[in-house]
Amino acid sequence: QVQLVESGGGLVQAGGSLRLSCLASGDIFSWNPMAWYRQAPGKQRELVARITSIGSTNYSDSVKGRFTISRDNAKNMVFLQMNNLKPEDTTVYYCNGHYRGNSYWGQGTQVTVSS
């Protein structure tokens, strides 16, 4: 079964850090690209960061310089290191990946940043 499972969300104070993890089933090199999105209530899901199978990355302007996406192909995992978190980063974060032509989503993990 092809799936993505996220972990690592939680509550943190402004200025703090969290690391989100996404475990992918199947052949990790077939997951290309992989990405993190977030969606606040009543808003469209927005791209946070994306990484290709060879490690090329891109970020939304709102997180550039604060968040880092990476992948560990040996462990079938993708990570989102979030530093200097702000209250406006509060929302549900989703792992997304394209696997052999299809798009898959994780279940989402809540990130809450208190001021």
PDB file of N, CA and C in Angstrom:
ATOM      1  N   GLN A   1       0.840  -1.183   0.000  1.00  0.00           N
ATOM      2  CA  GLN A   1       0.000   0.000   0.000  1.00  0.00           C
ATOM      3  C   GLN A   1       0.882   1.241   0.000  1.00  0.00           C
ATOM      4  N   VAL A   2       0.590   2.146  -0.939  1.00  0.00           N
ATOM      5  CA  VAL A   2       1.366   3.371  -1.044  1.00  0.00           C
ATOM      6  C   VAL A   2       0.817   4.386  -0.057  1.00  0.00           C
ATOM      7  N   GLN A   3       1.665   4.881   0.809  1.00  0.00           N
ATOM      8  CA  GLN A   3       1.183   5.867   1.780  1.00  0.00           C
ATOM      9  C   GLN A   3       2.304   6.721   2.315  1.00  0.00           C
ATOM     10  N   LEU A   4       1.884   7.852   2.890  1.00  0.00           N
ATOM     11  CA  LEU A   4       2.782   8.791   3.554  1.00  0.00           C
ATOM     12  C   LEU A   4       2.270   8.980   4.971  1.00  0.00           C
ATOM     13  N   VAL A   5       3.168   8.915   5.932  1.00  0.00           N
ATOM     14  CA  VAL A   5       2.786   9.057   7.325  1.00  0.00           C
ATOM     15  C   VAL A   5       3.648  10.141   7.959  1.00  0.00           C
ATOM     16  N   GLU A   6       2.971  11.204   8.436  1.00  0.00           N
ATOM     17  CA  GLU A   6       3.699  12.314   9.047  1.00  0.00           C
ATOM     18  C   GLU A   6       3.791  12.156  10.557  1.00  0.00           C
ATOM     19  N   SER A   7       4.767  12.824  11.117  1.00  0.00           N
ATOM     20  CA  SER A   7       4.890  12.933  12.565  1.00  0.00           C
ATOM     21  C   SER A   7       5.705  14.185  12.884  1.00  0.00           C
ATOM     22  N   GLY A   8       5.652  14.598  14.165  1.00  0.00           N
ATOM     23  CA  GLY A   8       6.526  15.676  14.595  1.00  0.00           C
ATOM     24  C   GLY A   8       5.870  17.004  14.867  1.00  0.00           C
ATOM     25  N   GLY A   9       4.577  17.123  14.632  1.00  0.00           N
ATOM     26  CA  GLY A   9       3.916  18.387  14.951  1.00  0.00           C
ATOM     27  C   GLY A   9       3.810  18.578  16.452  1.00  0.00           C
ATOM     28  N   GLY A  10       3.311  19.733  16.842  1.00  0.00           N
ATOM     29  CA  GLY A  10       3.145  20.003  18.263  1.00  0.00           C
ATOM     30  C   GLY A  10       3.008  21.476  18.550  1.00  0.00           C
ATOM     31  N   LEU A  11       3.177  21.805  19.817  1.00  0.00           N
ATOM     32  CA  LEU A  11       3.042  23.176  20.301  1.00  0.00           C
ATOM     33  C   LEU A  11       4.427  23.717  20.650  1.00  0.00           C
ATOM     34  N   VAL A  12       4.718  24.915  20.178  1.00  0.00           N
ATOM     35  CA  VAL A  12       6.017  25.528  20.450  1.00  0.00           C
ATOM     36  C   VAL A  12       5.826  27.029  20.588  1.00  0.00           C
ATOM     37  N   GLN A  13       6.698  27.666  21.335  1.00  0.00           N
ATOM     38  CA  GLN A  13       6.635  29.119  21.473  1.00  0.00           C
ATOM     39  C   GLN A  13       7.247  29.787  20.249  1.00  0.00           C
ATOM     40  N   ALA A  14       6.823  30.994  20.002  1.00  0.00           N
ATOM     41  CA  ALA A  14       7.396  31.768  18.909  1.00  0.00           C
ATOM     42  C   ALA A  14       8.911  31.849  19.056  1.00  0.00           C
ATOM     43  N   GLY A  15       9.595  31.673  17.932  1.00  0.00           N
ATOM     44  CA  GLY A  15      11.045  31.650  17.946  1.00  0.00           C
ATOM     45  C   GLY A  15      11.634  30.259  18.108  1.00  0.00           C
ATOM     46  N   GLY A  16      10.786  29.306  18.434  1.00  0.00           N
ATOM     47  CA  GLY A  16      11.240  27.945  18.641  1.00  0.00           C
ATOM     48  C   GLY A  16      11.344  27.155  17.348  1.00  0.00           C
ATOM     49  N   SER A  17      11.624  25.856  17.489  1.00  0.00           N
ATOM     50  CA  SER A  17      11.843  24.982  16.336  1.00  0.00           C
ATOM     51  C   SER A  17      11.054  23.689  16.482  1.00  0.00           C
ATOM     52  N   LEU A  18      10.702  23.134  15.346  1.00  0.00           N
ATOM     53  CA  LEU A  18      10.106  21.805  15.261  1.00  0.00           C
ATOM     54  C   LEU A  18      10.645  21.131  14.014  1.00  0.00           C
ATOM     55  N   ARG A  19      10.670  19.801  14.037  1.00  0.00           N
ATOM     56  CA  ARG A  19      11.018  19.058  12.837  1.00  0.00           C
ATOM     57  C   ARG A  19       9.897  18.085  12.512  1.00  0.00           C
ATOM     58  N   LEU A  20       9.361  18.225  11.317  1.00  0.00           N
ATOM     59  CA  LEU A  20       8.346  17.307  10.832  1.00  0.00           C
ATOM     60  C   LEU A  20       9.012  16.187  10.037  1.00  0.00           C
ATOM     61  N   SER A  21       8.452  14.992  10.174  1.00  0.00           N
ATOM     62  CA  SER A  21       8.965  13.834   9.448  1.00  0.00           C
ATOM     63  C   SER A  21       7.849  13.213   8.619  1.00  0.00           C
ATOM     64  N   CYS A  22       8.230  12.651   7.491  1.00  0.00           N
ATOM     65  CA  CYS A  22       7.267  11.978   6.617  1.00  0.00           C
ATOM     66  C   CYS A  22       7.903  10.679   6.155  1.00  0.00           C
ATOM     67  N   LEU A  23       7.264   9.562   6.517  1.00  0.00           N
ATOM     68  CA  LEU A  23       7.747   8.240   6.127  1.00  0.00           C
ATOM     69  C   LEU A  23       6.972   7.784   4.898  1.00  0.00           C
ATOM     70  N   ALA A  24       7.711   7.461   3.849  1.00  0.00           N
ATOM     71  CA  ALA A  24       7.093   7.048   2.587  1.00  0.00           C
ATOM     72  C   ALA A  24       7.238   5.548   2.387  1.00  0.00           C
ATOM     73  N   SER A  25       6.182   4.914   1.917  1.00  0.00           N
ATOM     74  CA  SER A  25       6.255   3.489   1.601  1.00  0.00           C
ATOM     75  C   SER A  25       6.829   3.317   0.199  1.00  0.00           C
ATOM     76  N   GLY A  26       7.225   2.112  -0.122  1.00  0.00           N
ATOM     77  CA  GLY A  26       7.684   1.824  -1.474  1.00  0.00           C
ATOM     78  C   GLY A  26       9.098   2.292  -1.736  1.00  0.00           C
ATOM     79  N   ASP A  27       9.403   2.412  -3.016  1.00  0.00           N
ATOM     80  CA  ASP A  27      10.743   2.801  -3.474  1.00  0.00           C
ATOM     81  C   ASP A  27      10.896   4.307  -3.368  1.00  0.00           C
ATOM     82  N   ILE A  28      11.782   4.759  -2.484  1.00  0.00           N
ATOM     83  CA  ILE A  28      11.912   6.193  -2.221  1.00  0.00           C
ATOM     84  C   ILE A  28      12.302   6.961  -3.476  1.00  0.00           C
ATOM     85  N   PHE A  29      13.069   6.358  -4.371  1.00  0.00           N
ATOM     86  CA  PHE A  29      13.517   7.071  -5.571  1.00  0.00           C
ATOM     87  C   PHE A  29      12.379   7.264  -6.572  1.00  0.00           C
ATOM     88  N   SER A  30      11.275   6.547  -6.394  1.00  0.00           N
ATOM     89  CA  SER A  30      10.102   6.744  -7.233  1.00  0.00           C
ATOM     90  C   SER A  30       9.225   7.876  -6.731  1.00  0.00           C
ATOM     91  N   TRP A  31       9.506   8.357  -5.526  1.00  0.00           N
ATOM     92  CA  TRP A  31       8.786   9.499  -4.982  1.00  0.00           C
ATOM     93  C   TRP A  31       9.496  10.771  -5.455  1.00  0.00           C
ATOM     94  N   ASN A  32       8.914  11.419  -6.467  1.00  0.00           N
ATOM     95  CA  ASN A  32       9.581  12.584  -7.033  1.00  0.00           C
ATOM     96  C   ASN A  32       8.601  13.509  -7.715  1.00  0.00           C
ATOM     97  N   PRO A  33       8.435  14.768  -7.252  1.00  0.00           N
ATOM     98  CA  PRO A  33       9.100  15.274  -6.058  1.00  0.00           C
ATOM     99  C   PRO A  33       8.317  14.948  -4.790  1.00  0.00           C
ATOM    100  N   MET A  34       8.868  15.360  -3.663  1.00  0.00           N
ATOM    101  CA  MET A  34       8.143  15.320  -2.408  1.00  0.00           C
ATOM    102  C   MET A  34       8.082  16.736  -1.861  1.00  0.00           C
ATOM    103  N   ALA A  35       7.055  16.988  -1.078  1.00  0.00           N
ATOM    104  CA  ALA A  35       6.828  18.362  -0.655  1.00  0.00           C
ATOM    105  C   ALA A  35       6.072  18.413   0.666  1.00  0.00           C
ATOM    106  N   TRP A  36       6.119  19.564   1.270  1.00  0.00           N
ATOM    107  CA  TRP A  36       5.294  19.882   2.433  1.00  0.00           C
ATOM    108  C   TRP A  36       4.374  21.036   2.031  1.00  0.00           C
ATOM    109  N   TYR A  37       3.110  20.868   2.385  1.00  0.00           N
ATOM    110  CA  TYR A  37       2.109  21.900   2.210  1.00  0.00           C
ATOM    111  C   TYR A  37       1.514  22.228   3.569  1.00  0.00           C
ATOM    112  N   ARG A  38       0.805  23.339   3.624  1.00  0.00           N
ATOM    113  CA  ARG A  38       0.043  23.665   4.827  1.00  0.00           C
ATOM    114  C   ARG A  38      -1.268  24.304   4.425  1.00  0.00           C
ATOM    115  N   GLN A  39      -2.230  24.155   5.316  1.00  0.00           N
ATOM    116  CA  GLN A  39      -3.560  24.679   5.021  1.00  0.00           C
ATOM    117  C   GLN A  39      -4.211  25.200   6.295  1.00  0.00           C
ATOM    118  N   ALA A  40      -4.475  26.476   6.301  1.00  0.00           N
ATOM    119  CA  ALA A  40      -5.192  27.096   7.413  1.00  0.00           C
ATOM    120  C   ALA A  40      -6.681  26.996   7.149  1.00  0.00           C
ATOM    121  N   PRO A  41      -7.497  27.034   8.192  1.00  0.00           N
ATOM    122  CA  PRO A  41      -8.952  26.956   8.007  1.00  0.00           C
ATOM    123  C   PRO A  41      -9.464  28.041   7.073  1.00  0.00           C
ATOM    124  N   GLY A  42     -10.254  27.638   6.101  1.00  0.00           N
ATOM    125  CA  GLY A  42     -10.834  28.592   5.174  1.00  0.00           C
ATOM    126  C   GLY A  42      -9.906  29.083   4.084  1.00  0.00           C
ATOM    127  N   LYS A  43      -8.701  28.530   4.042  1.00  0.00           N
ATOM    128  CA  LYS A  43      -7.740  28.970   3.027  1.00  0.00           C
ATOM    129  C   LYS A  43      -7.318  27.797   2.156  1.00  0.00           C
ATOM    130  N   GLN A  44      -6.764  28.134   1.003  1.00  0.00           N
ATOM    131  CA  GLN A  44      -6.257  27.092   0.114  1.00  0.00           C
ATOM    132  C   GLN A  44      -4.980  26.482   0.667  1.00  0.00           C
ATOM    133  N   ARG A  45      -4.779  25.226   0.317  1.00  0.00           N
ATOM    134  CA  ARG A  45      -3.535  24.560   0.704  1.00  0.00           C
ATOM    135  C   ARG A  45      -2.391  25.214  -0.066  1.00  0.00           C
ATOM    136  N   GLU A  46      -1.317  25.551   0.633  1.00  0.00           N
ATOM    137  CA  GLU A  46      -0.205  26.233  -0.007  1.00  0.00           C
ATOM    138  C   GLU A  46       1.079  25.422   0.114  1.00  0.00           C
ATOM    139  N   LEU A  47       1.895  25.515  -0.922  1.00  0.00           N
ATOM    140  CA  LEU A  47       3.182  24.843  -0.915  1.00  0.00           C
ATOM    141  C   LEU A  47       4.125  25.545   0.046  1.00  0.00           C
ATOM    142  N   VAL A  48       4.784  24.755   0.884  1.00  0.00           N
ATOM    143  CA  VAL A  48       5.782  25.284   1.812  1.00  0.00           C
ATOM    144  C   VAL A  48       7.177  25.053   1.262  1.00  0.00           C
ATOM    145  N   ALA A  49       7.460  23.805   0.881  1.00  0.00           N
ATOM    146  CA  ALA A  49       8.787  23.458   0.373  1.00  0.00           C
ATOM    147  C   ALA A  49       8.670  22.182  -0.442  1.00  0.00           C
ATOM    148  N   ARG A  50       9.574  22.057  -1.427  1.00  0.00           N
ATOM    149  CA  ARG A  50       9.568  20.905  -2.311  1.00  0.00           C
ATOM    150  C   ARG A  50      11.005  20.425  -2.516  1.00  0.00           C
ATOM    151  N   ILE A  51      11.163  19.105  -2.655  1.00  0.00           N
ATOM    152  CA  ILE A  51      12.485  18.544  -2.906  1.00  0.00           C
ATOM    153  C   ILE A  51      12.367  17.433  -3.942  1.00  0.00           C
ATOM    154  N   THR A  52      13.304  17.405  -4.883  1.00  0.00           N
ATOM    155  CA  THR A  52      13.298  16.367  -5.904  1.00  0.00           C
ATOM    156  C   THR A  52      14.137  15.173  -5.447  1.00  0.00           C
ATOM    157  N   SER A  53      14.137  14.133  -6.257  1.00  0.00           N
ATOM    158  CA  SER A  53      14.876  12.918  -5.901  1.00  0.00           C
ATOM    159  C   SER A  53      16.382  13.154  -5.865  1.00  0.00           C
ATOM    160  N   ILE A  54      16.835  14.209  -6.561  1.00  0.00           N
ATOM    161  CA  ILE A  54      18.274  14.495  -6.541  1.00  0.00           C
ATOM    162  C   ILE A  54      18.607  15.637  -5.587  1.00  0.00           C
ATOM    163  N   GLY A  55      17.615  16.070  -4.829  1.00  0.00           N
ATOM    164  CA  GLY A  55      17.888  17.031  -3.777  1.00  0.00           C
ATOM    165  C   GLY A  55      17.700  18.498  -4.120  1.00  0.00           C
ATOM    166  N   SER A  56      17.183  18.809  -5.279  1.00  0.00           N
ATOM    167  CA  SER A  56      16.886  20.212  -5.596  1.00  0.00           C
ATOM    168  C   SER A  56      15.689  20.668  -4.783  1.00  0.00           C
ATOM    169  N   THR A  57      15.780  21.880  -4.263  1.00  0.00           N
ATOM    170  CA  THR A  57      14.731  22.365  -3.362  1.00  0.00           C
ATOM    171  C   THR A  57      14.199  23.722  -3.801  1.00  0.00           C
ATOM    172  N   ASN A  58      12.971  23.994  -3.381  1.00  0.00           N
ATOM    173  CA  ASN A  58      12.447  25.346  -3.498  1.00  0.00           C
ATOM    174  C   ASN A  58      11.472  25.585  -2.345  1.00  0.00           C
ATOM    175  N   TYR A  59      11.318  26.851  -1.996  1.00  0.00           N
ATOM    176  CA  TYR A  59      10.554  27.235  -0.807  1.00  0.00           C
ATOM    177  C   TYR A  59       9.600  28.388  -1.123  1.00  0.00           C
ATOM    178  N   SER A  60       8.554  28.464  -0.341  1.00  0.00           N
ATOM    179  CA  SER A  60       7.702  29.642  -0.428  1.00  0.00           C
ATOM    180  C   SER A  60       8.448  30.821   0.196  1.00  0.00           C
ATOM    181  N   ASP A  61       8.123  32.009  -0.242  1.00  0.00           N
ATOM    182  CA  ASP A  61       8.801  33.200   0.274  1.00  0.00           C
ATOM    183  C   ASP A  61       8.588  33.361   1.775  1.00  0.00           C
ATOM    184  N   SER A  62       7.451  32.907   2.268  1.00  0.00           N
ATOM    185  CA  SER A  62       7.120  33.110   3.680  1.00  0.00           C
ATOM    186  C   SER A  62       7.985  32.272   4.624  1.00  0.00           C
ATOM    187  N   VAL A  63       8.616  31.228   4.118  1.00  0.00           N
ATOM    188  CA  VAL A  63       9.418  30.368   4.993  1.00  0.00           C
ATOM    189  C   VAL A  63      10.896  30.342   4.611  1.00  0.00           C
ATOM    190  N   LYS A  64      11.231  30.978   3.495  1.00  0.00           N
ATOM    191  CA  LYS A  64      12.615  30.944   3.016  1.00  0.00           C
ATOM    192  C   LYS A  64      13.551  31.505   4.087  1.00  0.00           C
ATOM    193  N   GLY A  65      14.628  30.781   4.356  1.00  0.00           N
ATOM    194  CA  GLY A  65      15.578  31.196   5.367  1.00  0.00           C
ATOM    195  C   GLY A  65      15.258  30.683   6.768  1.00  0.00           C
ATOM    196  N   ARG A  66      14.055  30.168   6.959  1.00  0.00           N
ATOM    197  CA  ARG A  66      13.669  29.645   8.275  1.00  0.00           C
ATOM    198  C   ARG A  66      13.430  28.132   8.246  1.00  0.00           C
ATOM    199  N   PHE A  67      12.903  27.625   7.147  1.00  0.00           N
ATOM    200  CA  PHE A  67      12.583  26.203   7.021  1.00  0.00           C
ATOM    201  C   PHE A  67      13.568  25.543   6.070  1.00  0.00           C
ATOM    202  N   THR A  68      13.833  24.267   6.327  1.00  0.00           N
ATOM    203  CA  THR A  68      14.699  23.485   5.451  1.00  0.00           C
ATOM    204  C   THR A  68      14.078  22.122   5.199  1.00  0.00           C
ATOM    205  N   ILE A  69      13.917  21.776   3.929  1.00  0.00           N
ATOM    206  CA  ILE A  69      13.412  20.458   3.564  1.00  0.00           C
ATOM    207  C   ILE A  69      14.605  19.579   3.201  1.00  0.00           C
ATOM    208  N   SER A  70      14.530  18.325   3.616  1.00  0.00           N
ATOM    209  CA  SER A  70      15.603  17.384   3.295  1.00  0.00           C
ATOM    210  C   SER A  70      15.005  15.996   3.172  1.00  0.00           C
ATOM    211  N   ARG A  71      15.785  15.082   2.624  1.00  0.00           N
ATOM    212  CA  ARG A  71      15.313  13.706   2.514  1.00  0.00           C
ATOM    213  C   ARG A  71      16.448  12.747   2.833  1.00  0.00           C
ATOM    214  N   ASP A  72      16.081  11.633   3.446  1.00  0.00           N
ATOM    215  CA  ASP A  72      17.014  10.557   3.752  1.00  0.00           C
ATOM    216  C   ASP A  72      16.523   9.343   2.978  1.00  0.00           C
ATOM    217  N   ASN A  73      17.104   9.131   1.821  1.00  0.00           N
ATOM    218  CA  ASN A  73      16.622   8.061   0.957  1.00  0.00           C
ATOM    219  C   ASN A  73      16.823   6.685   1.573  1.00  0.00           C
ATOM    220  N   ALA A  74      17.835   6.532   2.394  1.00  0.00           N
ATOM    221  CA  ALA A  74      18.083   5.238   3.025  1.00  0.00           C
ATOM    222  C   ALA A  74      16.971   4.868   4.001  1.00  0.00           C
ATOM    223  N   LYS A  75      16.324   5.889   4.559  1.00  0.00           N
ATOM    224  CA  LYS A  75      15.261   5.652   5.544  1.00  0.00           C
ATOM    225  C   LYS A  75      13.867   5.902   4.961  1.00  0.00           C
ATOM    226  N   ASN A  76      13.794   6.214   3.687  1.00  0.00           N
ATOM    227  CA  ASN A  76      12.498   6.511   3.045  1.00  0.00           C
ATOM    228  C   ASN A  76      11.788   7.674   3.729  1.00  0.00           C
ATOM    229  N   MET A  77      12.532   8.699   4.090  1.00  0.00           N
ATOM    230  CA  MET A  77      11.921   9.784   4.855  1.00  0.00           C
ATOM    231  C   MET A  77      12.249  11.152   4.266  1.00  0.00           C
ATOM    232  N   VAL A  78      11.321  12.064   4.477  1.00  0.00           N
ATOM    233  CA  VAL A  78      11.498  13.470   4.141  1.00  0.00           C
ATOM    234  C   VAL A  78      11.230  14.270   5.403  1.00  0.00           C
ATOM    235  N   PHE A  79      12.001  15.324   5.577  1.00  0.00           N
ATOM    236  CA  PHE A  79      11.903  16.122   6.795  1.00  0.00           C
ATOM    237  C   PHE A  79      11.651  17.596   6.468  1.00  0.00           C
ATOM    238  N   LEU A  80      11.052  18.280   7.415  1.00  0.00           N
ATOM    239  CA  LEU A  80      10.931  19.733   7.331  1.00  0.00           C
ATOM    240  C   LEU A  80      11.398  20.299   8.662  1.00  0.00           C
ATOM    241  N   GLN A  81      12.585  20.876   8.655  1.00  0.00           N
ATOM    242  CA  GLN A  81      13.110  21.544   9.839  1.00  0.00           C
ATOM    243  C   GLN A  81      12.608  22.974   9.839  1.00  0.00           C
ATOM    244  N   MET A  82      11.884  23.320  10.901  1.00  0.00           N
ATOM    245  CA  MET A  82      11.273  24.639  10.986  1.00  0.00           C
ATOM    246  C   MET A  82      11.890  25.396  12.149  1.00  0.00           C
ATOM    247  N   ASN A  83      12.592  26.469  11.834  1.00  0.00           N
ATOM    248  CA  ASN A  83      13.243  27.300  12.846  1.00  0.00           C
ATOM    249  C   ASN A  83      12.601  28.678  12.887  1.00  0.00           C
ATOM    250  N   ASN A  84      12.833  29.377  13.987  1.00  0.00           N
ATOM    251  CA  ASN A  84      12.295  30.728  14.151  1.00  0.00           C
ATOM    252  C   ASN A  84      10.804  30.766  13.805  1.00  0.00           C
ATOM    253  N   LEU A  85      10.068  29.856  14.399  1.00  0.00           N
ATOM    254  CA  LEU A  85       8.639  29.752  14.103  1.00  0.00           C
ATOM    255  C   LEU A  85       7.883  30.973  14.577  1.00  0.00           C
ATOM    256  N   LYS A  86       6.858  31.318  13.806  1.00  0.00           N
ATOM    257  CA  LYS A  86       6.026  32.480  14.090  1.00  0.00           C
ATOM    258  C   LYS A  86       4.581  32.029  14.298  1.00  0.00           C
ATOM    259  N   PRO A  87       3.793  32.805  15.017  1.00  0.00           N
ATOM    260  CA  PRO A  87       2.383  32.425  15.204  1.00  0.00           C
ATOM    261  C   PRO A  87       1.641  32.183  13.887  1.00  0.00           C
ATOM    262  N   GLU A  88       2.000  32.924  12.861  1.00  0.00           N
ATOM    263  CA  GLU A  88       1.331  32.740  11.565  1.00  0.00           C
ATOM    264  C   GLU A  88       1.700  31.427  10.871  1.00  0.00           C
ATOM    265  N   ASP A  89       2.649  30.695  11.421  1.00  0.00           N
ATOM    266  CA  ASP A  89       2.967  29.361  10.895  1.00  0.00           C
ATOM    267  C   ASP A  89       2.010  28.298  11.446  1.00  0.00           C
ATOM    268  N   THR A  90       1.160  28.701  12.361  1.00  0.00           N
ATOM    269  CA  THR A  90       0.208  27.771  12.973  1.00  0.00           C
ATOM    270  C   THR A  90      -0.800  27.273  11.949  1.00  0.00           C
ATOM    271  N   THR A  91      -0.845  25.981  11.756  1.00  0.00           N
ATOM    272  CA  THR A  91      -1.813  25.348  10.876  1.00  0.00           C
ATOM    273  C   THR A  91      -1.495  23.859  10.783  1.00  0.00           C
ATOM    274  N   VAL A  92      -2.218  23.148   9.907  1.00  0.00           N
ATOM    275  CA  VAL A  92      -1.948  21.740   9.656  1.00  0.00           C
ATOM    276  C   VAL A  92      -0.989  21.622   8.475  1.00  0.00           C
ATOM    277  N   TYR A  93       0.027  20.815   8.654  1.00  0.00           N
ATOM    278  CA  TYR A  93       1.032  20.582   7.617  1.00  0.00           C
ATOM    279  C   TYR A  93       0.842  19.181   7.023  1.00  0.00           C
ATOM    280  N   TYR A  94       0.955  19.103   5.702  1.00  0.00           N
ATOM    281  CA  TYR A  94       0.745  17.854   4.986  1.00  0.00           C
ATOM    282  C   TYR A  94       1.973  17.485   4.154  1.00  0.00           C
ATOM    283  N   CYS A  95       2.312  16.240   4.215  1.00  0.00           N
ATOM    284  CA  CYS A  95       3.344  15.702   3.331  1.00  0.00           C
ATOM    285  C   CYS A  95       2.670  15.288   2.018  1.00  0.00           C
ATOM    286  N   ASN A  96       3.331  15.585   0.932  1.00  0.00           N
ATOM    287  CA  ASN A  96       2.803  15.231  -0.396  1.00  0.00           C
ATOM    288  C   ASN A  96       3.916  14.615  -1.221  1.00  0.00           C
ATOM    289  N   GLY A  97       3.544  13.644  -2.029  1.00  0.00           N
ATOM    290  CA  GLY A  97       4.530  13.058  -2.919  1.00  0.00           C
ATOM    291  C   GLY A  97       3.896  12.547  -4.193  1.00  0.00           C
ATOM    292  N   HIS A  98       4.673  12.576  -5.256  1.00  0.00           N
ATOM    293  CA  HIS A  98       4.253  11.992  -6.517  1.00  0.00           C
ATOM    294  C   HIS A  98       4.989  10.672  -6.700  1.00  0.00           C
ATOM    295  N   TYR A  99       4.186   9.620  -6.854  1.00  0.00           N
ATOM    296  CA  TYR A  99       4.731   8.258  -6.934  1.00  0.00           C
ATOM    297  C   TYR A  99       4.182   7.604  -8.184  1.00  0.00           C
ATOM    298  N   ARG A 100       5.049   7.420  -9.158  1.00  0.00           N
ATOM    299  CA  ARG A 100       4.687   6.743 -10.410  1.00  0.00           C
ATOM    300  C   ARG A 100       3.444   7.355 -11.042  1.00  0.00           C
ATOM    301  N   GLY A 101       3.432   8.696 -11.082  1.00  0.00           N
ATOM    302  CA  GLY A 101       2.389   9.402 -11.797  1.00  0.00           C
ATOM    303  C   GLY A 101       1.184   9.792 -10.968  1.00  0.00           C
ATOM    304  N   ASN A 102       1.129   9.342  -9.729  1.00  0.00           N
ATOM    305  CA  ASN A 102      -0.008   9.676  -8.867  1.00  0.00           C
ATOM    306  C   ASN A 102       0.447  10.524  -7.685  1.00  0.00           C
ATOM    307  N   SER A 103      -0.469  11.375  -7.218  1.00  0.00           N
ATOM    308  CA  SER A 103      -0.176  12.246  -6.081  1.00  0.00           C
ATOM    309  C   SER A 103      -0.796  11.663  -4.831  1.00  0.00           C
ATOM    310  N   TYR A 104      -0.029  11.669  -3.759  1.00  0.00           N
ATOM    311  CA  TYR A 104      -0.496  11.121  -2.488  1.00  0.00           C
ATOM    312  C   TYR A 104      -0.289  12.145  -1.380  1.00  0.00           C
ATOM    313  N   TRP A 105      -1.174  12.059  -0.377  1.00  0.00           N
ATOM    314  CA  TRP A 105      -1.103  12.959   0.763  1.00  0.00           C
ATOM    315  C   TRP A 105      -1.043  12.176   2.059  1.00  0.00           C
ATOM    316  N   GLY A 106      -0.326  12.734   3.017  1.00  0.00           N
ATOM    317  CA  GLY A 106      -0.377  12.204   4.362  1.00  0.00           C
ATOM    318  C   GLY A 106      -1.613  12.706   5.076  1.00  0.00           C
ATOM    319  N   GLN A 107      -1.748  12.307   6.318  1.00  0.00           N
ATOM    320  CA  GLN A 107      -2.960  12.632   7.076  1.00  0.00           C
ATOM    321  C   GLN A 107      -2.918  14.026   7.683  1.00  0.00           C
ATOM    322  N   GLY A 108      -1.753  14.629   7.706  1.00  0.00           N
ATOM    323  CA  GLY A 108      -1.599  15.969   8.275  1.00  0.00           C
ATOM    324  C   GLY A 108      -1.140  15.930   9.716  1.00  0.00           C
ATOM    325  N   THR A 109      -0.389  16.941  10.088  1.00  0.00           N
ATOM    326  CA  THR A 109       0.062  17.075  11.470  1.00  0.00           C
ATOM    327  C   THR A 109      -0.052  18.540  11.882  1.00  0.00           C
ATOM    328  N   GLN A 110      -0.585  18.758  13.067  1.00  0.00           N
ATOM    329  CA  GLN A 110      -0.861  20.117  13.539  1.00  0.00           C
ATOM    330  C   GLN A 110       0.397  20.754  14.116  1.00  0.00           C
ATOM    331  N   VAL A 111       0.653  21.974  13.697  1.00  0.00           N
ATOM    332  CA  VAL A 111       1.727  22.788  14.268  1.00  0.00           C
ATOM    333  C   VAL A 111       1.083  24.036  14.866  1.00  0.00           C
ATOM    334  N   THR A 112       1.349  24.275  16.144  1.00  0.00           N
ATOM    335  CA  THR A 112       0.791  25.442  16.827  1.00  0.00           C
ATOM    336  C   THR A 112       1.937  26.243  17.430  1.00  0.00           C
ATOM    337  N   VAL A 113       2.009  27.521  17.079  1.00  0.00           N
ATOM    338  CA  VAL A 113       3.052  28.412  17.579  1.00  0.00           C
ATOM    339  C   VAL A 113       2.399  29.481  18.432  1.00  0.00           C
ATOM    340  N   SER A 114       2.746  29.500  19.696  1.00  0.00           N
ATOM    341  CA  SER A 114       2.164  30.487  20.618  1.00  0.00           C
ATOM    342  C   SER A 114       3.032  31.745  20.670  1.00  0.00           C
ATOM    343  N   SER A 115       2.356  32.866  20.872  1.00  0.00           N
ATOM    344  CA  SER A 115       3.087  34.143  20.892  1.00  0.00           C
ATOM    345  C   SER A 115       3.521  34.513  22.299  1.00  0.00           C
TER     346      SER A 115
END
